[in-house]
Amino acid sequence: MSTVAFRVTDEKKSFIQSMADLNGLRLSELARTKLLEGLEDQIDMALYEKAMKSHELNDESISHRDMLQELGF
């Protein structure tokens, strides 16, 4: 397992430690979890934006009413 270190002010460390305590986590667990969640969210948003651009270029959407007619309802 690797170790990653980063520098923060004493004030920010105190804040991060308080948040870790609030969540019942060790500081390293909180930092790791939140960092990975943030990066995964960023990937999700990039994939969403790419999919939406693709959809806009080739929009095959139909209305709810048209779908019902197509299905024979």
N, C-alpha and C. Protein backbone atom coordinates (compact mmCIF):
# COMPACT_ATOMS: atom_id res chain seq x y z
N MET A 1 0.85 -1.17 0.00
CA MET A 1 0.00 0.00 0.00
C MET A 1 0.90 1.23 0.00
N SER A 2 0.49 2.24 -0.73
CA SER A 2 1.26 3.49 -0.83
C SER A 2 0.74 4.53 0.15
N THR A 3 1.59 5.50 0.41
CA THR A 3 1.23 6.62 1.26
C THR A 3 1.27 7.89 0.43
N VAL A 4 0.27 8.74 0.62
CA VAL A 4 0.21 10.03 -0.05
C VAL A 4 0.15 11.08 1.05
N ALA A 5 0.96 12.10 0.93
CA ALA A 5 0.97 13.17 1.93
C ALA A 5 0.71 14.50 1.24
N PHE A 6 0.06 15.40 1.97
CA PHE A 6 -0.13 16.75 1.46
C PHE A 6 -0.11 17.72 2.63
N ARG A 7 0.21 18.94 2.34
CA ARG A 7 0.36 19.95 3.39
C ARG A 7 -0.90 20.81 3.48
N VAL A 8 -1.28 21.10 4.71
CA VAL A 8 -2.38 22.02 4.98
C VAL A 8 -1.98 22.89 6.17
N THR A 9 -2.65 23.99 6.32
CA THR A 9 -2.40 24.84 7.48
C THR A 9 -2.91 24.13 8.73
N ASP A 10 -2.44 24.58 9.88
CA ASP A 10 -2.91 24.00 11.14
C ASP A 10 -4.42 24.17 11.28
N GLU A 11 -4.93 25.31 10.83
CA GLU A 11 -6.36 25.58 10.90
C GLU A 11 -7.15 24.57 10.05
N LYS A 12 -6.67 24.30 8.83
CA LYS A 12 -7.36 23.36 7.96
C LYS A 12 -7.26 21.93 8.51
N LYS A 13 -6.10 21.59 9.08
CA LYS A 13 -5.96 20.26 9.67
C LYS A 13 -6.95 20.09 10.82
N SER A 14 -7.08 21.11 11.63
CA SER A 14 -8.02 21.06 12.74
C SER A 14 -9.45 20.87 12.23
N PHE A 15 -9.79 21.59 11.17
CA PHE A 15 -11.12 21.45 10.59
C PHE A 15 -11.34 20.04 10.05
N ILE A 16 -10.37 19.52 9.31
CA ILE A 16 -10.48 18.18 8.74
C ILE A 16 -10.59 17.14 9.86
N GLN A 17 -9.80 17.32 10.91
CA GLN A 17 -9.86 16.39 12.03
C GLN A 17 -11.23 16.45 12.71
N SER A 18 -11.77 17.64 12.85
CA SER A 18 -13.11 17.79 13.44
C SER A 18 -14.17 17.08 12.60
N MET A 19 -14.06 17.20 11.29
CA MET A 19 -15.01 16.54 10.41
C MET A 19 -14.85 15.02 10.47
N ALA A 20 -13.62 14.56 10.57
CA ALA A 20 -13.38 13.13 10.71
C ALA A 20 -14.00 12.62 12.01
N ASP A 21 -13.79 13.36 13.09
CA ASP A 21 -14.38 12.98 14.39
C ASP A 21 -15.90 12.95 14.30
N LEU A 22 -16.46 13.96 13.67
CA LEU A 22 -17.91 14.05 13.52
C LEU A 22 -18.47 12.83 12.78
N ASN A 23 -17.71 12.34 11.81
CA ASN A 23 -18.15 11.20 11.01
C ASN A 23 -17.66 9.86 11.55
N GLY A 24 -16.98 9.88 12.68
CA GLY A 24 -16.49 8.64 13.29
C GLY A 24 -15.41 7.96 12.47
N LEU A 25 -14.58 8.76 11.79
CA LEU A 25 -13.53 8.23 10.95
C LEU A 25 -12.17 8.74 11.39
N ARG A 26 -11.14 8.01 11.01
CA ARG A 26 -9.79 8.55 11.18
C ARG A 26 -9.59 9.60 10.10
N LEU A 27 -8.69 10.54 10.35
CA LEU A 27 -8.44 11.61 9.40
C LEU A 27 -8.08 11.04 8.03
N SER A 28 -7.23 10.04 7.99
CA SER A 28 -6.82 9.45 6.70
C SER A 28 -8.00 8.81 5.98
N GLU A 29 -8.92 8.17 6.73
CA GLU A 29 -10.10 7.57 6.10
C GLU A 29 -10.99 8.63 5.48
N LEU A 30 -11.21 9.72 6.21
CA LEU A 30 -12.03 10.81 5.69
C LEU A 30 -11.40 11.41 4.43
N ALA A 31 -10.11 11.70 4.49
CA ALA A 31 -9.42 12.31 3.35
C ALA A 31 -9.49 11.39 2.13
N ARG A 32 -9.20 10.12 2.33
CA ARG A 32 -9.22 9.15 1.23
C ARG A 32 -10.63 9.04 0.64
N THR A 33 -11.62 8.87 1.49
CA THR A 33 -12.99 8.69 1.04
C THR A 33 -13.49 9.91 0.27
N LYS A 34 -13.30 11.09 0.84
CA LYS A 34 -13.81 12.30 0.20
C LYS A 34 -13.06 12.62 -1.09
N LEU A 35 -11.76 12.37 -1.11
CA LEU A 35 -10.99 12.60 -2.33
C LEU A 35 -11.47 11.68 -3.44
N LEU A 36 -11.60 10.40 -3.15
CA LEU A 36 -12.05 9.45 -4.16
C LEU A 36 -13.49 9.72 -4.60
N GLU A 37 -14.37 10.07 -3.66
CA GLU A 37 -15.75 10.40 -4.03
C GLU A 37 -15.78 11.61 -4.97
N GLY A 38 -14.99 12.61 -4.65
CA GLY A 38 -14.94 13.81 -5.49
C GLY A 38 -14.44 13.51 -6.89
N LEU A 39 -13.41 12.68 -6.99
CA LEU A 39 -12.88 12.32 -8.30
C LEU A 39 -13.86 11.46 -9.08
N GLU A 40 -14.54 10.54 -8.40
CA GLU A 40 -15.55 9.71 -9.07
C GLU A 40 -16.71 10.58 -9.55
N ASP A 41 -17.11 11.57 -8.75
CA ASP A 41 -18.16 12.49 -9.17
C ASP A 41 -17.74 13.26 -10.43
N GLN A 42 -16.46 13.65 -10.47
CA GLN A 42 -15.94 14.39 -11.62
C GLN A 42 -16.00 13.51 -12.87
N ILE A 43 -15.63 12.24 -12.75
CA ILE A 43 -15.70 11.31 -13.88
C ILE A 43 -17.15 11.13 -14.32
N ASP A 44 -18.05 10.95 -13.35
CA ASP A 44 -19.47 10.79 -13.67
C ASP A 44 -20.00 11.99 -14.44
N MET A 45 -19.63 13.19 -14.01
CA MET A 45 -20.11 14.39 -14.67
C MET A 45 -19.54 14.49 -16.09
N ALA A 46 -18.28 14.14 -16.27
CA ALA A 46 -17.67 14.18 -17.60
C ALA A 46 -18.37 13.18 -18.53
N LEU A 47 -18.66 11.98 -18.02
CA LEU A 47 -19.36 10.98 -18.84
C LEU A 47 -20.78 11.44 -19.17
N TYR A 48 -21.45 12.06 -18.20
CA TYR A 48 -22.80 12.58 -18.43
C TYR A 48 -22.77 13.66 -19.52
N GLU A 49 -21.83 14.59 -19.42
CA GLU A 49 -21.74 15.66 -20.40
C GLU A 49 -21.45 15.11 -21.80
N LYS A 50 -20.58 14.10 -21.87
CA LYS A 50 -20.28 13.48 -23.15
C LYS A 50 -21.52 12.80 -23.72
N ALA A 51 -22.25 12.08 -22.88
CA ALA A 51 -23.47 11.41 -23.33
C ALA A 51 -24.52 12.41 -23.78
N MET A 52 -24.66 13.51 -23.06
CA MET A 52 -25.65 14.52 -23.45
C MET A 52 -25.29 15.18 -24.77
N LYS A 53 -24.01 15.44 -25.01
CA LYS A 53 -23.59 16.01 -26.29
C LYS A 53 -23.90 15.05 -27.42
N SER A 54 -23.63 13.77 -27.19
CA SER A 54 -23.92 12.75 -28.20
C SER A 54 -25.42 12.68 -28.46
N HIS A 55 -26.20 12.74 -27.39
CA HIS A 55 -27.66 12.70 -27.52
C HIS A 55 -28.18 13.90 -28.30
N GLU A 56 -27.62 15.07 -28.02
CA GLU A 56 -28.07 16.28 -28.71
C GLU A 56 -27.77 16.22 -30.20
N LEU A 57 -26.67 15.56 -30.57
CA LEU A 57 -26.31 15.45 -31.98
C LEU A 57 -27.17 14.42 -32.71
N ASN A 58 -27.69 13.44 -31.98
CA ASN A 58 -28.47 12.37 -32.60
C ASN A 58 -29.71 12.11 -31.75
N ASP A 59 -30.53 13.13 -31.57
CA ASP A 59 -31.71 13.05 -30.71
C ASP A 59 -32.82 12.25 -31.39
N GLU A 60 -33.13 11.10 -30.81
CA GLU A 60 -34.20 10.26 -31.33
C GLU A 60 -35.37 10.21 -30.35
N SER A 61 -35.49 11.23 -29.52
CA SER A 61 -36.56 11.28 -28.52
C SER A 61 -37.92 11.42 -29.18
N ILE A 62 -38.93 10.84 -28.52
CA ILE A 62 -40.30 11.04 -28.95
C ILE A 62 -41.13 11.38 -27.72
N SER A 63 -42.26 11.96 -27.93
CA SER A 63 -43.11 12.36 -26.81
C SER A 63 -43.74 11.12 -26.17
N HIS A 64 -44.25 11.31 -24.97
CA HIS A 64 -44.93 10.24 -24.26
C HIS A 64 -46.15 9.79 -25.06
N ARG A 65 -46.89 10.75 -25.58
CA ARG A 65 -48.08 10.46 -26.39
C ARG A 65 -47.71 9.62 -27.62
N ASP A 66 -46.65 10.01 -28.31
CA ASP A 66 -46.22 9.25 -29.49
C ASP A 66 -45.77 7.84 -29.12
N MET A 67 -45.13 7.68 -27.98
CA MET A 67 -44.70 6.36 -27.52
C MET A 67 -45.90 5.48 -27.25
N LEU A 68 -46.92 6.04 -26.60
CA LEU A 68 -48.14 5.27 -26.33
C LEU A 68 -48.79 4.81 -27.63
N GLN A 69 -48.85 5.71 -28.61
CA GLN A 69 -49.43 5.35 -29.91
C GLN A 69 -48.60 4.26 -30.57
N GLU A 70 -47.30 4.39 -30.52
CA GLU A 70 -46.42 3.40 -31.14
C GLU A 70 -46.61 2.02 -30.50
N LEU A 71 -46.86 2.02 -29.20
CA LEU A 71 -47.06 0.75 -28.48
C LEU A 71 -48.52 0.26 -28.55
N GLY A 72 -49.37 1.03 -29.16
CA GLY A 72 -50.75 0.62 -29.33
C GLY A 72 -51.66 0.85 -28.13
N PHE A 73 -51.32 1.82 -27.32
CA PHE A 73 -52.15 2.13 -26.13
C PHE A 73 -53.01 3.34 -26.39
